[in-house]
């Protein structure tokens, strides 16, 4: 066997190993830490009945990549949006994420679940081998390639967030943004509608929140 042929075989096997590493989850997804910031750092916020809700849309790939170990989340059509609840009351409150809507003109969009988002974001572009969307909760992808990102996206998901008395808690919603071009300009007219917030001590519903994204977009684009 000639040296040239041996070199070609080594390169071929090296390529196969790289493909297998990606397929079987050795790509090295690392969960990145995130926690709510101080209230005054959120330009987009609203207060009512002792509760302040702040929002932070991650509308550019580099912004989203600071929180999630993926550098093309927006390019693949998903926008993470942080929702942080500051509860100054003496009782706990709970927020229902399933009814929250991102309103743009006449269009109302609700969050995607992590098991819908992760396969969409991590599916290899152009590959005929694709995972079912969504992956059922608790099910394995076979190769476990999505276990790490699934755990991270699920951990950071807002879900039905409970916030204790005089406490702060938050998480992310994942909105589809099929029209990526000029996304910041589109979001200047968008509003996050949060209708279901309840007191857990007596079950009373609080007033709904309508928070404009414009202050957050303008603050981020001014940097």
N, C-alpha and C. Protein backbone atom coordinates (compact mmCIF):
# COMPACT_ATOMS: atom_id res chain seq x y z
N UNK A 1 0.85 -1.19 0.00
CA UNK A 1 0.00 0.00 0.00
C UNK A 1 0.89 1.25 0.00
N UNK A 2 0.63 2.17 -0.92
CA UNK A 2 1.45 3.37 -1.02
C UNK A 2 1.14 4.33 0.12
N UNK A 3 2.12 5.23 0.36
CA UNK A 3 1.94 6.20 1.43
C UNK A 3 0.77 7.14 1.12
N UNK A 4 0.57 7.50 -0.14
CA UNK A 4 -0.54 8.39 -0.52
C UNK A 4 -1.88 7.75 -0.23
N UNK A 5 -1.98 6.43 -0.54
CA UNK A 5 -3.24 5.73 -0.29
C UNK A 5 -3.52 5.62 1.20
N UNK A 6 -2.46 5.37 1.98
CA UNK A 6 -2.63 5.29 3.43
C UNK A 6 -3.09 6.63 4.01
N UNK A 7 -2.55 7.73 3.48
CA UNK A 7 -2.94 9.06 3.95
C UNK A 7 -4.40 9.33 3.65
N UNK A 8 -4.84 8.90 2.47
CA UNK A 8 -6.24 9.09 2.10
C UNK A 8 -7.17 8.30 3.01
N UNK A 9 -6.77 7.08 3.32
CA UNK A 9 -7.59 6.26 4.20
C UNK A 9 -7.69 6.87 5.59
N UNK A 10 -6.56 7.40 6.08
CA UNK A 10 -6.56 8.04 7.40
C UNK A 10 -7.49 9.24 7.43
N UNK A 11 -7.43 10.05 6.34
CA UNK A 11 -8.31 11.21 6.27
C UNK A 11 -9.77 10.78 6.22
N UNK A 12 -10.05 9.69 5.50
CA UNK A 12 -11.43 9.20 5.40
C UNK A 12 -11.94 8.76 6.77
N UNK A 13 -11.11 7.98 7.49
CA UNK A 13 -11.51 7.53 8.81
C UNK A 13 -11.65 8.69 9.78
N UNK A 14 -10.77 9.70 9.62
CA UNK A 14 -10.88 10.88 10.48
C UNK A 14 -12.21 11.57 10.26
N UNK A 15 -12.64 11.68 9.01
CA UNK A 15 -13.93 12.29 8.71
C UNK A 15 -15.08 11.50 9.27
N UNK A 16 -14.98 10.14 9.19
CA UNK A 16 -16.02 9.29 9.75
C UNK A 16 -16.12 9.47 11.25
N UNK A 17 -14.97 9.55 11.92
CA UNK A 17 -14.97 9.73 13.37
C UNK A 17 -15.61 11.06 13.78
N UNK A 18 -15.34 12.11 13.01
CA UNK A 18 -15.95 13.41 13.30
C UNK A 18 -17.46 13.32 13.16
N UNK A 19 -17.94 12.66 12.10
CA UNK A 19 -19.38 12.51 11.89
C UNK A 19 -20.02 11.70 13.01
N UNK A 20 -19.36 10.62 13.41
CA UNK A 20 -19.88 9.82 14.51
C UNK A 20 -19.91 10.60 15.81
N UNK A 21 -18.88 11.39 16.03
CA UNK A 21 -18.84 12.20 17.25
C UNK A 21 -20.00 13.16 17.30
N UNK A 22 -20.31 13.79 16.18
CA UNK A 22 -21.45 14.71 16.14
C UNK A 22 -22.76 13.95 16.35
N UNK A 23 -22.86 12.80 15.66
CA UNK A 23 -24.11 12.04 15.71
C UNK A 23 -24.39 11.52 17.11
N UNK A 24 -23.37 11.08 17.81
CA UNK A 24 -23.58 10.45 19.10
C UNK A 24 -23.35 11.38 20.28
N UNK A 25 -23.44 12.67 20.00
CA UNK A 25 -23.54 13.61 21.10
C UNK A 25 -22.23 14.06 21.71
N UNK A 26 -21.11 13.91 21.00
CA UNK A 26 -19.84 14.35 21.53
C UNK A 26 -19.47 15.73 21.02
N UNK A 27 -20.45 16.43 20.51
CA UNK A 27 -20.18 17.77 19.99
C UNK A 27 -19.83 18.74 21.09
N UNK A 28 -20.15 18.38 22.34
CA UNK A 28 -19.68 19.18 23.46
C UNK A 28 -20.59 20.33 23.85
N UNK A 29 -21.91 20.16 23.75
CA UNK A 29 -22.79 21.21 24.23
C UNK A 29 -22.57 21.40 25.73
N UNK A 30 -22.38 22.65 26.13
CA UNK A 30 -22.15 22.98 27.53
C UNK A 30 -23.21 23.97 28.01
N UNK A 31 -23.91 23.61 29.06
CA UNK A 31 -24.91 24.52 29.62
C UNK A 31 -24.22 25.77 30.17
N UNK A 32 -24.74 26.91 29.78
CA UNK A 32 -24.17 28.19 30.22
C UNK A 32 -25.03 28.78 31.33
N UNK A 33 -24.39 29.34 32.34
CA UNK A 33 -25.16 29.86 33.48
C UNK A 33 -25.99 31.07 33.09
N UNK A 34 -27.15 31.17 33.72
CA UNK A 34 -28.01 32.35 33.56
C UNK A 34 -28.77 32.56 34.86
N UNK A 35 -28.88 33.81 35.24
CA UNK A 35 -29.73 34.16 36.37
C UNK A 35 -30.28 35.56 36.15
N UNK A 36 -31.43 35.88 36.74
CA UNK A 36 -32.00 37.22 36.57
C UNK A 36 -31.06 38.31 37.05
N UNK A 37 -31.09 39.42 36.33
CA UNK A 37 -30.28 40.57 36.72
C UNK A 37 -31.08 41.45 37.67
N UNK A 38 -30.44 42.54 38.10
CA UNK A 38 -31.13 43.52 38.95
C UNK A 38 -32.25 44.18 38.15
N UNK A 39 -33.32 44.54 38.83
CA UNK A 39 -34.51 45.09 38.18
C UNK A 39 -34.19 46.28 37.29
N UNK A 40 -33.35 47.19 37.78
CA UNK A 40 -33.09 48.42 37.03
C UNK A 40 -32.33 48.20 35.73
N UNK A 41 -31.82 47.01 35.50
CA UNK A 41 -31.08 46.74 34.26
C UNK A 41 -31.99 46.33 33.11
N UNK A 42 -33.28 46.16 33.40
CA UNK A 42 -34.24 45.76 32.37
C UNK A 42 -35.04 46.98 31.91
N UNK A 43 -34.78 47.48 30.71
CA UNK A 43 -35.55 48.64 30.23
C UNK A 43 -37.02 48.34 30.00
N UNK A 44 -37.34 47.10 29.60
CA UNK A 44 -38.73 46.73 29.32
C UNK A 44 -39.33 46.04 30.53
N UNK A 45 -40.21 46.73 31.25
CA UNK A 45 -40.81 46.15 32.45
C UNK A 45 -42.10 46.88 32.78
N UNK A 46 -42.90 46.24 33.64
CA UNK A 46 -44.17 46.83 34.06
C UNK A 46 -44.46 46.35 35.47
N UNK A 47 -45.07 47.24 36.28
CA UNK A 47 -45.39 46.92 37.67
C UNK A 47 -46.89 47.05 37.92
N UNK A 48 -47.41 46.13 38.75
CA UNK A 48 -48.82 46.18 39.14
C UNK A 48 -49.02 45.30 40.35
N UNK A 49 -49.73 45.81 41.35
CA UNK A 49 -50.13 45.04 42.53
C UNK A 49 -48.96 44.35 43.23
N UNK A 50 -47.87 45.07 43.33
CA UNK A 50 -46.71 44.54 44.04
C UNK A 50 -45.86 43.58 43.23
N UNK A 51 -46.17 43.41 41.96
CA UNK A 51 -45.41 42.53 41.09
C UNK A 51 -44.84 43.34 39.93
N UNK A 52 -43.56 43.14 39.65
CA UNK A 52 -42.93 43.74 38.47
C UNK A 52 -42.45 42.62 37.57
N UNK A 53 -42.80 42.70 36.29
CA UNK A 53 -42.34 41.72 35.32
C UNK A 53 -41.45 42.44 34.31
N UNK A 54 -40.24 41.92 34.15
CA UNK A 54 -39.29 42.46 33.18
C UNK A 54 -39.05 41.43 32.08
N UNK A 55 -38.80 41.91 30.87
CA UNK A 55 -38.55 41.00 29.75
C UNK A 55 -37.26 41.39 29.04
N UNK A 56 -36.64 40.40 28.42
CA UNK A 56 -35.37 40.62 27.73
C UNK A 56 -35.31 39.73 26.49
N UNK A 57 -35.71 40.24 25.32
CA UNK A 57 -35.67 39.44 24.10
C UNK A 57 -34.24 39.30 23.58
N UNK A 58 -33.81 38.07 23.32
CA UNK A 58 -32.48 37.82 22.74
C UNK A 58 -32.66 37.69 21.24
N UNK A 59 -32.67 38.81 20.54
CA UNK A 59 -33.12 38.85 19.16
C UNK A 59 -31.99 38.78 18.14
N UNK A 60 -30.77 38.58 18.59
CA UNK A 60 -29.63 38.39 17.69
C UNK A 60 -28.87 37.14 18.10
N UNK A 61 -28.25 36.48 17.12
CA UNK A 61 -27.53 35.25 17.40
C UNK A 61 -26.48 35.41 18.51
N UNK A 62 -25.64 36.46 18.49
CA UNK A 62 -24.65 36.58 19.57
C UNK A 62 -25.27 36.77 20.95
N UNK A 63 -26.42 37.43 21.03
CA UNK A 63 -27.11 37.60 22.31
C UNK A 63 -27.60 36.26 22.84
N UNK A 64 -28.22 35.48 21.97
CA UNK A 64 -28.73 34.17 22.40
C UNK A 64 -27.59 33.22 22.75
N UNK A 65 -26.47 33.34 22.04
CA UNK A 65 -25.34 32.45 22.28
C UNK A 65 -24.66 32.71 23.63
N UNK A 66 -24.91 33.85 24.24
CA UNK A 66 -24.38 34.10 25.57
C UNK A 66 -25.09 33.27 26.63
N UNK A 67 -26.30 32.83 26.33
CA UNK A 67 -27.10 32.07 27.29
C UNK A 67 -27.17 30.59 26.91
N UNK A 68 -27.21 30.30 25.60
CA UNK A 68 -27.32 28.93 25.11
C UNK A 68 -26.12 28.64 24.20
N UNK A 69 -25.58 27.45 24.33
CA UNK A 69 -24.37 27.07 23.58
C UNK A 69 -24.72 26.70 22.14
N UNK A 70 -25.19 27.69 21.40
CA UNK A 70 -25.58 27.51 20.00
C UNK A 70 -25.48 28.87 19.33
N UNK A 71 -24.73 28.95 18.24
CA UNK A 71 -24.43 30.27 17.67
C UNK A 71 -25.35 30.70 16.54
N UNK A 72 -26.43 29.94 16.26
CA UNK A 72 -27.32 30.33 15.17
C UNK A 72 -28.79 30.12 15.54
N UNK A 73 -29.13 30.38 16.78
CA UNK A 73 -30.50 30.14 17.25
C UNK A 73 -31.50 31.01 16.49
N UNK A 74 -31.20 32.31 16.38
CA UNK A 74 -32.12 33.21 15.67
C UNK A 74 -32.16 32.84 14.19
N UNK A 75 -31.02 32.55 13.61
CA UNK A 75 -30.97 32.19 12.19
C UNK A 75 -31.80 30.95 11.88
N UNK A 76 -31.99 30.09 12.87
CA UNK A 76 -32.80 28.89 12.68
C UNK A 76 -34.27 29.12 13.04
N UNK A 77 -34.62 30.37 13.39
CA UNK A 77 -36.03 30.71 13.52
C UNK A 77 -36.62 30.69 14.91
N UNK A 78 -35.76 30.72 15.95
CA UNK A 78 -36.25 30.73 17.33
C UNK A 78 -35.65 31.93 18.06
N UNK A 79 -36.49 32.66 18.81
CA UNK A 79 -36.00 33.76 19.63
C UNK A 79 -36.28 33.47 21.11
N UNK A 80 -35.24 33.26 21.91
CA UNK A 80 -35.45 33.15 23.36
C UNK A 80 -35.80 34.52 23.94
N UNK A 81 -36.75 34.54 24.84
CA UNK A 81 -37.16 35.78 25.49
C UNK A 81 -37.25 35.53 26.99
N UNK A 82 -36.43 36.23 27.75
CA UNK A 82 -36.42 36.06 29.20
C UNK A 82 -37.58 36.82 29.83
N UNK A 83 -38.23 36.18 30.79
CA UNK A 83 -39.29 36.80 31.58
C UNK A 83 -38.88 36.66 33.05
N UNK A 84 -38.75 37.81 33.73
CA UNK A 84 -38.30 37.80 35.12
C UNK A 84 -39.37 38.46 35.99
N UNK A 85 -39.76 37.76 37.05
CA UNK A 85 -40.83 38.23 37.93
C UNK A 85 -40.22 38.64 39.27
N UNK A 86 -40.48 39.90 39.66
CA UNK A 86 -40.05 40.43 40.95
C UNK A 86 -41.30 40.57 41.82
N UNK A 87 -41.39 39.76 42.86
CA UNK A 87 -42.58 39.74 43.71
C UNK A 87 -42.30 40.42 45.05
N UNK A 88 -42.88 41.59 45.26
CA UNK A 88 -42.68 42.34 46.50
C UNK A 88 -43.78 42.08 47.53
N UNK A 89 -44.66 41.15 47.26
CA UNK A 89 -45.78 40.88 48.14
C UNK A 89 -45.40 39.89 49.26
N UNK A 90 -46.31 39.75 50.20
CA UNK A 90 -46.11 38.81 51.31
C UNK A 90 -46.67 37.42 50.99
N UNK A 91 -47.10 37.22 49.76
CA UNK A 91 -47.65 35.94 49.34
C UNK A 91 -46.98 35.51 48.02
N UNK A 92 -46.95 34.22 47.73
CA UNK A 92 -46.37 33.76 46.46
C UNK A 92 -47.33 33.97 45.30
N UNK A 93 -46.76 34.12 44.12
CA UNK A 93 -47.56 34.24 42.90
C UNK A 93 -47.09 33.21 41.89
N UNK A 94 -47.97 32.87 40.98
CA UNK A 94 -47.63 31.91 39.93
C UNK A 94 -48.02 32.47 38.58
N UNK A 95 -47.14 32.28 37.62
CA UNK A 95 -47.35 32.76 36.25
C UNK A 95 -47.52 31.57 35.33
N UNK A 96 -48.54 31.58 34.49
CA UNK A 96 -48.81 30.51 33.53
C UNK A 96 -48.21 30.87 32.18
N UNK A 97 -47.14 30.17 31.80
CA UNK A 97 -46.44 30.52 30.57
C UNK A 97 -47.20 30.11 29.31
N UNK A 98 -48.07 29.11 29.42
CA UNK A 98 -48.75 28.57 28.24
C UNK A 98 -49.68 29.58 27.58
N UNK A 99 -50.17 30.55 28.36
CA UNK A 99 -51.11 31.53 27.81
C UNK A 99 -50.44 32.84 27.40
N UNK A 100 -49.15 32.97 27.62
CA UNK A 100 -48.44 34.20 27.25
C UNK A 100 -48.36 34.29 25.73
N UNK A 101 -48.57 35.49 25.20
CA UNK A 101 -48.56 35.68 23.74
C UNK A 101 -47.65 36.84 23.36
N UNK A 102 -46.91 36.64 22.29
CA UNK A 102 -46.15 37.72 21.66
C UNK A 102 -47.03 38.29 20.56
N UNK A 103 -47.43 39.54 20.71
CA UNK A 103 -48.37 40.16 19.79
C UNK A 103 -47.64 41.11 18.85
N UNK A 104 -47.78 40.86 17.55
CA UNK A 104 -47.22 41.74 16.52
C UNK A 104 -48.32 42.01 15.50
N UNK A 105 -48.81 43.25 15.50
CA UNK A 105 -49.95 43.61 14.67
C UNK A 105 -51.13 42.68 15.04
N UNK A 106 -51.64 41.92 14.07
CA UNK A 106 -52.76 41.03 14.35
C UNK A 106 -52.31 39.60 14.63
N UNK A 107 -51.01 39.39 14.67
CA UNK A 107 -50.48 38.04 14.87
C UNK A 107 -50.16 37.80 16.34
N UNK A 108 -50.64 36.67 16.85
CA UNK A 108 -50.38 36.30 18.24
C UNK A 108 -49.65 34.95 18.25
N UNK A 109 -48.50 34.92 18.90
CA UNK A 109 -47.66 33.72 18.93
C UNK A 109 -47.43 33.28 20.36
N UNK A 110 -47.59 31.98 20.60
CA UNK A 110 -47.31 31.43 21.92
C UNK A 110 -45.98 30.67 21.89
N UNK A 111 -45.43 30.45 23.08
CA UNK A 111 -44.13 29.83 23.17
C UNK A 111 -44.12 28.41 22.62
N UNK A 112 -42.98 28.01 22.07
CA UNK A 112 -42.73 26.63 21.75
C UNK A 112 -42.18 25.92 22.99
N UNK A 113 -42.46 24.63 23.11
CA UNK A 113 -41.92 23.85 24.21
C UNK A 113 -40.48 23.44 23.89
N UNK A 114 -39.66 23.20 24.92
CA UNK A 114 -38.27 22.78 24.66
C UNK A 114 -38.17 21.55 23.78
N UNK A 115 -39.09 20.58 23.92
CA UNK A 115 -39.01 19.37 23.10
C UNK A 115 -39.41 19.62 21.65
N UNK A 116 -39.94 20.79 21.35
CA UNK A 116 -40.16 21.20 19.97
C UNK A 116 -38.97 22.00 19.44
N UNK A 117 -38.39 22.82 20.32
CA UNK A 117 -37.33 23.74 19.91
C UNK A 117 -36.01 23.04 19.67
N UNK A 118 -35.61 22.17 20.58
CA UNK A 118 -34.27 21.57 20.51
C UNK A 118 -34.04 20.77 19.24
N UNK A 119 -34.94 19.86 18.82
CA UNK A 119 -34.70 19.15 17.57
C UNK A 119 -34.60 20.10 16.37
N UNK A 120 -35.38 21.17 16.39
CA UNK A 120 -35.33 22.15 15.30
C UNK A 120 -33.98 22.84 15.24
N UNK A 121 -33.43 23.18 16.40
CA UNK A 121 -32.17 23.92 16.44
C UNK A 121 -30.95 23.05 16.16
N UNK A 122 -31.03 21.78 16.54
CA UNK A 122 -29.85 20.93 16.47
C UNK A 122 -29.91 19.89 15.36
N UNK A 123 -30.96 19.93 14.55
CA UNK A 123 -31.02 19.05 13.39
C UNK A 123 -29.98 19.48 12.38
N UNK A 124 -29.21 18.52 11.89
CA UNK A 124 -28.15 18.84 10.94
C UNK A 124 -28.76 19.33 9.63
N UNK A 125 -28.35 20.51 9.17
CA UNK A 125 -28.90 21.10 7.95
C UNK A 125 -28.60 20.23 6.75
N UNK A 126 -29.64 19.94 5.99
CA UNK A 126 -29.45 19.16 4.77
C UNK A 126 -29.38 17.67 4.99
N UNK A 127 -29.46 17.22 6.23
CA UNK A 127 -29.36 15.79 6.51
C UNK A 127 -30.69 15.10 6.29
N UNK A 128 -30.65 13.89 5.74
CA UNK A 128 -31.87 13.10 5.58
C UNK A 128 -32.24 12.41 6.89
N UNK A 129 -31.27 12.36 7.82
CA UNK A 129 -31.53 11.74 9.10
C UNK A 129 -31.99 12.80 10.07
N UNK A 130 -33.26 12.82 10.37
CA UNK A 130 -33.79 13.83 11.27
C UNK A 130 -34.55 13.16 12.40
N UNK A 131 -34.56 13.81 13.53
CA UNK A 131 -35.26 13.29 14.69
C UNK A 131 -36.71 13.74 14.66
N UNK A 132 -37.61 12.98 15.26
CA UNK A 132 -39.02 13.40 15.28
C UNK A 132 -39.19 14.69 16.03
N UNK A 133 -40.10 15.52 15.56
CA UNK A 133 -40.38 16.79 16.20
C UNK A 133 -41.85 16.81 16.60
N UNK A 134 -42.17 16.97 17.88
CA UNK A 134 -41.22 17.03 18.99
C UNK A 134 -40.81 15.65 19.48
N UNK A 135 -39.72 15.60 20.27
CA UNK A 135 -39.33 14.38 20.95
C UNK A 135 -40.16 14.27 22.22
N UNK A 136 -40.82 13.15 22.46
CA UNK A 136 -41.63 13.02 23.67
C UNK A 136 -40.78 13.19 24.92
N UNK A 137 -41.36 13.82 25.94
CA UNK A 137 -40.66 14.02 27.20
C UNK A 137 -40.22 12.68 27.76
N UNK A 138 -38.96 12.62 28.18
CA UNK A 138 -38.45 11.41 28.79
C UNK A 138 -37.96 10.39 27.78
N UNK A 139 -38.22 10.63 26.49
CA UNK A 139 -37.76 9.69 25.47
C UNK A 139 -36.34 9.99 25.09
N UNK A 140 -35.61 8.98 24.68
CA UNK A 140 -34.23 9.17 24.25
C UNK A 140 -34.20 9.33 22.76
N UNK A 141 -33.26 10.09 22.26
CA UNK A 141 -33.09 10.26 20.83
C UNK A 141 -32.38 9.09 20.19
N UNK A 142 -32.05 8.05 20.98
CA UNK A 142 -31.34 6.90 20.45
C UNK A 142 -29.86 7.06 20.69
N UNK A 143 -29.28 8.12 20.17
CA UNK A 143 -27.87 8.37 20.34
C UNK A 143 -27.59 9.28 21.53
N UNK A 144 -28.66 9.79 22.14
CA UNK A 144 -28.53 10.74 23.25
C UNK A 144 -27.86 12.04 22.82
N UNK A 145 -27.87 12.32 21.53
CA UNK A 145 -27.19 13.50 21.02
C UNK A 145 -27.82 14.79 21.52
N UNK A 146 -29.10 14.74 21.87
CA UNK A 146 -29.79 15.95 22.28
C UNK A 146 -30.00 16.05 23.79
N UNK A 147 -29.48 15.11 24.53
CA UNK A 147 -29.75 15.10 25.97
C UNK A 147 -29.27 16.37 26.66
N UNK A 148 -28.05 16.79 26.37
CA UNK A 148 -27.49 17.97 27.05
C UNK A 148 -28.23 19.25 26.69
N UNK A 149 -28.42 19.55 25.39
CA UNK A 149 -29.19 20.76 25.08
C UNK A 149 -30.63 20.69 25.56
N UNK A 150 -31.25 19.50 25.50
CA UNK A 150 -32.62 19.37 25.97
C UNK A 150 -32.72 19.70 27.46
N UNK A 151 -31.76 19.19 28.23
CA UNK A 151 -31.76 19.46 29.66
C UNK A 151 -31.58 20.94 29.94
N UNK A 152 -30.73 21.61 29.16
CA UNK A 152 -30.47 23.03 29.38
C UNK A 152 -31.66 23.89 29.00
N UNK A 153 -32.23 23.64 27.81
CA UNK A 153 -33.39 24.42 27.36
C UNK A 153 -34.59 24.18 28.27
N UNK A 154 -34.74 22.96 28.76
CA UNK A 154 -35.85 22.65 29.65
C UNK A 154 -35.65 23.31 31.02
N UNK A 155 -34.42 23.29 31.51
CA UNK A 155 -34.12 23.90 32.81
C UNK A 155 -34.37 25.41 32.79
N UNK A 156 -34.09 26.04 31.65
CA UNK A 156 -34.24 27.49 31.55
C UNK A 156 -35.64 27.91 31.08
N UNK A 157 -36.48 26.96 30.77
CA UNK A 157 -37.84 27.25 30.31
C UNK A 157 -38.67 27.85 31.44
N UNK A 158 -39.48 28.86 31.13
CA UNK A 158 -40.27 29.54 32.15
C UNK A 158 -41.30 28.61 32.78
N UNK A 159 -41.97 27.81 31.95
CA UNK A 159 -43.01 26.88 32.41
C UNK A 159 -44.02 27.61 33.31
N UNK A 160 -44.57 26.93 34.32
CA UNK A 160 -45.47 27.58 35.27
C UNK A 160 -44.64 28.01 36.48
N UNK A 161 -44.14 29.21 36.39
CA UNK A 161 -43.17 29.70 37.36
C UNK A 161 -43.85 30.19 38.63
N UNK A 162 -43.39 29.68 39.76
CA UNK A 162 -43.85 30.14 41.06
C UNK A 162 -42.78 31.04 41.67
N UNK A 163 -43.20 32.19 42.16
CA UNK A 163 -42.27 33.16 42.75
C UNK A 163 -42.71 33.43 44.18
N UNK A 164 -41.84 33.14 45.11
CA UNK A 164 -42.16 33.29 46.52
C UNK A 164 -42.27 34.73 46.96
N UNK A 165 -42.73 34.95 48.19
CA UNK A 165 -42.83 36.32 48.71
C UNK A 165 -41.46 37.00 48.74
N UNK A 166 -41.44 38.23 48.28
CA UNK A 166 -40.22 39.04 48.28
C UNK A 166 -39.06 38.29 47.61
N UNK A 167 -39.39 37.68 46.49
CA UNK A 167 -38.40 36.88 45.75
C UNK A 167 -38.42 37.25 44.27
N UNK A 168 -37.41 36.76 43.57
CA UNK A 168 -37.29 36.97 42.12
C UNK A 168 -37.05 35.62 41.45
N UNK A 169 -37.72 35.39 40.34
CA UNK A 169 -37.52 34.16 39.57
C UNK A 169 -37.87 34.45 38.11
N UNK A 170 -37.34 33.63 37.24
CA UNK A 170 -37.63 33.84 35.82
C UNK A 170 -37.20 32.66 34.98
N UNK A 171 -37.37 32.82 33.69
CA UNK A 171 -37.00 31.79 32.74
C UNK A 171 -37.23 32.29 31.33
N UNK A 172 -37.13 31.39 30.37
CA UNK A 172 -37.22 31.78 28.97
C UNK A 172 -38.44 31.20 28.28
N UNK A 173 -38.99 31.99 27.36
CA UNK A 173 -39.96 31.52 26.39
C UNK A 173 -39.23 31.41 25.05
N UNK A 174 -39.71 30.52 24.18
CA UNK A 174 -39.06 30.29 22.88
C UNK A 174 -40.07 30.55 21.77
N UNK A 175 -39.92 31.70 21.10
CA UNK A 175 -40.89 32.09 20.08
C UNK A 175 -40.35 31.83 18.68
N UNK A 176 -41.24 31.34 17.81
CA UNK A 176 -40.89 31.19 16.39
C UNK A 176 -40.82 32.56 15.75
N UNK A 177 -39.75 32.79 15.00
CA UNK A 177 -39.58 34.04 14.25
C UNK A 177 -39.19 33.68 12.81
N UNK A 178 -40.17 33.25 12.01
CA UNK A 178 -39.86 32.81 10.65
C UNK A 178 -39.31 33.92 9.77
N UNK A 179 -39.69 35.16 10.05
CA UNK A 179 -39.18 36.30 9.28
C UNK A 179 -38.01 36.93 10.05
N UNK A 180 -36.80 36.51 9.73
CA UNK A 180 -35.62 36.94 10.47
C UNK A 180 -35.12 38.30 9.99
N UNK A 181 -35.33 38.58 8.73
CA UNK A 181 -34.85 39.84 8.17
C UNK A 181 -35.52 41.02 8.87
N UNK A 182 -34.70 41.99 9.29
CA UNK A 182 -35.18 43.19 9.97
C UNK A 182 -35.95 42.86 11.24
N UNK A 183 -35.53 41.82 11.93
CA UNK A 183 -36.24 41.40 13.15
C UNK A 183 -36.29 42.50 14.21
N UNK A 184 -35.20 43.22 14.49
CA UNK A 184 -35.30 44.29 15.50
C UNK A 184 -36.38 45.32 15.17
N UNK A 185 -36.48 45.69 13.90
CA UNK A 185 -37.50 46.65 13.50
C UNK A 185 -38.90 46.09 13.70
N UNK A 186 -39.07 44.80 13.41
CA UNK A 186 -40.38 44.17 13.62
C UNK A 186 -40.77 44.18 15.09
N UNK A 187 -39.80 43.92 15.96
CA UNK A 187 -40.08 43.80 17.38
C UNK A 187 -40.35 45.13 18.06
N UNK A 188 -40.01 46.23 17.40
CA UNK A 188 -40.28 47.55 17.99
C UNK A 188 -41.78 47.77 18.22
N UNK A 189 -42.60 47.07 17.46
CA UNK A 189 -44.05 47.23 17.59
C UNK A 189 -44.68 46.06 18.33
N UNK A 190 -43.85 45.16 18.87
CA UNK A 190 -44.36 43.95 19.51
C UNK A 190 -44.64 44.17 20.99
N UNK A 191 -45.57 43.40 21.51
CA UNK A 191 -45.96 43.46 22.93
C UNK A 191 -46.04 42.04 23.47
N UNK A 192 -45.56 41.86 24.70
CA UNK A 192 -45.73 40.57 25.36
C UNK A 192 -46.94 40.66 26.28
N UNK A 193 -47.93 39.81 26.01
CA UNK A 193 -49.19 39.80 26.76
C UNK A 193 -49.16 38.65 27.76
N UNK A 194 -49.28 38.97 29.05
CA UNK A 194 -49.22 37.98 30.12
C UNK A 194 -50.54 38.04 30.88
N UNK A 195 -51.48 37.13 30.58
CA UNK A 195 -52.83 37.25 31.15
C UNK A 195 -53.04 36.51 32.47
N UNK A 196 -52.24 35.48 32.74
CA UNK A 196 -52.56 34.60 33.87
C UNK A 196 -51.49 34.65 34.95
N UNK A 197 -51.72 35.50 35.96
CA UNK A 197 -50.88 35.56 37.14
C UNK A 197 -51.81 35.45 38.35
N UNK A 198 -51.49 34.53 39.25
CA UNK A 198 -52.39 34.27 40.38
C UNK A 198 -51.66 34.32 41.71
N UNK A 199 -52.40 34.74 42.73
CA UNK A 199 -51.94 34.60 44.10
C UNK A 199 -52.11 33.14 44.52
N UNK A 200 -51.08 32.56 45.12
CA UNK A 200 -51.19 31.17 45.53
C UNK A 200 -51.78 31.02 46.92
N UNK A 201 -51.92 32.13 47.65
CA UNK A 201 -52.49 32.01 48.99
C UNK A 201 -54.01 31.89 48.95
N UNK A 202 -54.64 32.55 47.97
CA UNK A 202 -56.10 32.48 47.90
C UNK A 202 -56.65 32.23 46.49
N UNK A 203 -55.76 32.08 45.51
CA UNK A 203 -56.19 31.76 44.15
C UNK A 203 -56.66 32.93 43.33
N UNK A 204 -56.60 34.15 43.88
CA UNK A 204 -57.06 35.34 43.16
C UNK A 204 -56.14 35.65 41.99
N UNK A 205 -56.75 35.98 40.86
CA UNK A 205 -55.95 36.37 39.69
C UNK A 205 -55.61 37.85 39.77
N UNK A 206 -54.36 38.16 39.42
CA UNK A 206 -53.93 39.55 39.37
C UNK A 206 -54.23 40.14 38.00
N UNK A 207 -54.02 41.43 37.87
CA UNK A 207 -54.22 42.10 36.60
C UNK A 207 -53.24 41.57 35.55
N UNK A 208 -53.67 41.55 34.29
CA UNK A 208 -52.78 41.12 33.21
C UNK A 208 -51.70 42.17 32.96
N UNK A 209 -50.63 41.73 32.29
CA UNK A 209 -49.52 42.61 31.93
C UNK A 209 -49.42 42.70 30.41
N UNK A 210 -49.13 43.87 29.92
CA UNK A 210 -48.82 44.09 28.51
C UNK A 210 -47.52 44.90 28.45
N UNK A 211 -46.45 44.26 28.06
CA UNK A 211 -45.12 44.89 28.11
C UNK A 211 -44.58 45.06 26.70
N UNK A 212 -44.31 46.29 26.33
CA UNK A 212 -43.75 46.58 25.01
C UNK A 212 -42.28 46.16 24.95
N UNK A 213 -41.89 45.57 23.82
CA UNK A 213 -40.49 45.18 23.64
C UNK A 213 -39.61 46.34 23.24
N UNK A 214 -40.22 47.44 22.81
CA UNK A 214 -39.47 48.56 22.24
C UNK A 214 -38.34 49.06 23.16
N UNK A 215 -38.55 49.28 24.46
CA UNK A 215 -37.44 49.78 25.27
C UNK A 215 -36.24 48.84 25.31
N UNK A 216 -36.50 47.53 25.31
CA UNK A 216 -35.40 46.55 25.31
C UNK A 216 -34.66 46.55 23.99
N UNK A 217 -35.40 46.63 22.88
CA UNK A 217 -34.79 46.63 21.55
C UNK A 217 -33.93 47.89 21.37
N UNK A 218 -34.48 49.03 21.74
CA UNK A 218 -33.74 50.29 21.56
C UNK A 218 -32.49 50.31 22.43
N UNK A 219 -32.59 49.82 23.67
CA UNK A 219 -31.42 49.82 24.56
C UNK A 219 -30.32 48.90 24.03
N UNK A 220 -30.71 47.75 23.49
CA UNK A 220 -29.72 46.80 22.98
C UNK A 220 -29.07 47.28 21.69
N UNK A 221 -29.84 47.90 20.82
CA UNK A 221 -29.28 48.37 19.55
C UNK A 221 -28.46 49.64 19.72
N UNK A 222 -28.62 50.35 20.82
CA UNK A 222 -27.86 51.57 21.07
C UNK A 222 -26.45 51.27 21.57
N UNK A 223 -26.20 50.04 22.01
CA UNK A 223 -24.89 49.69 22.57
C UNK A 223 -23.86 49.58 21.46
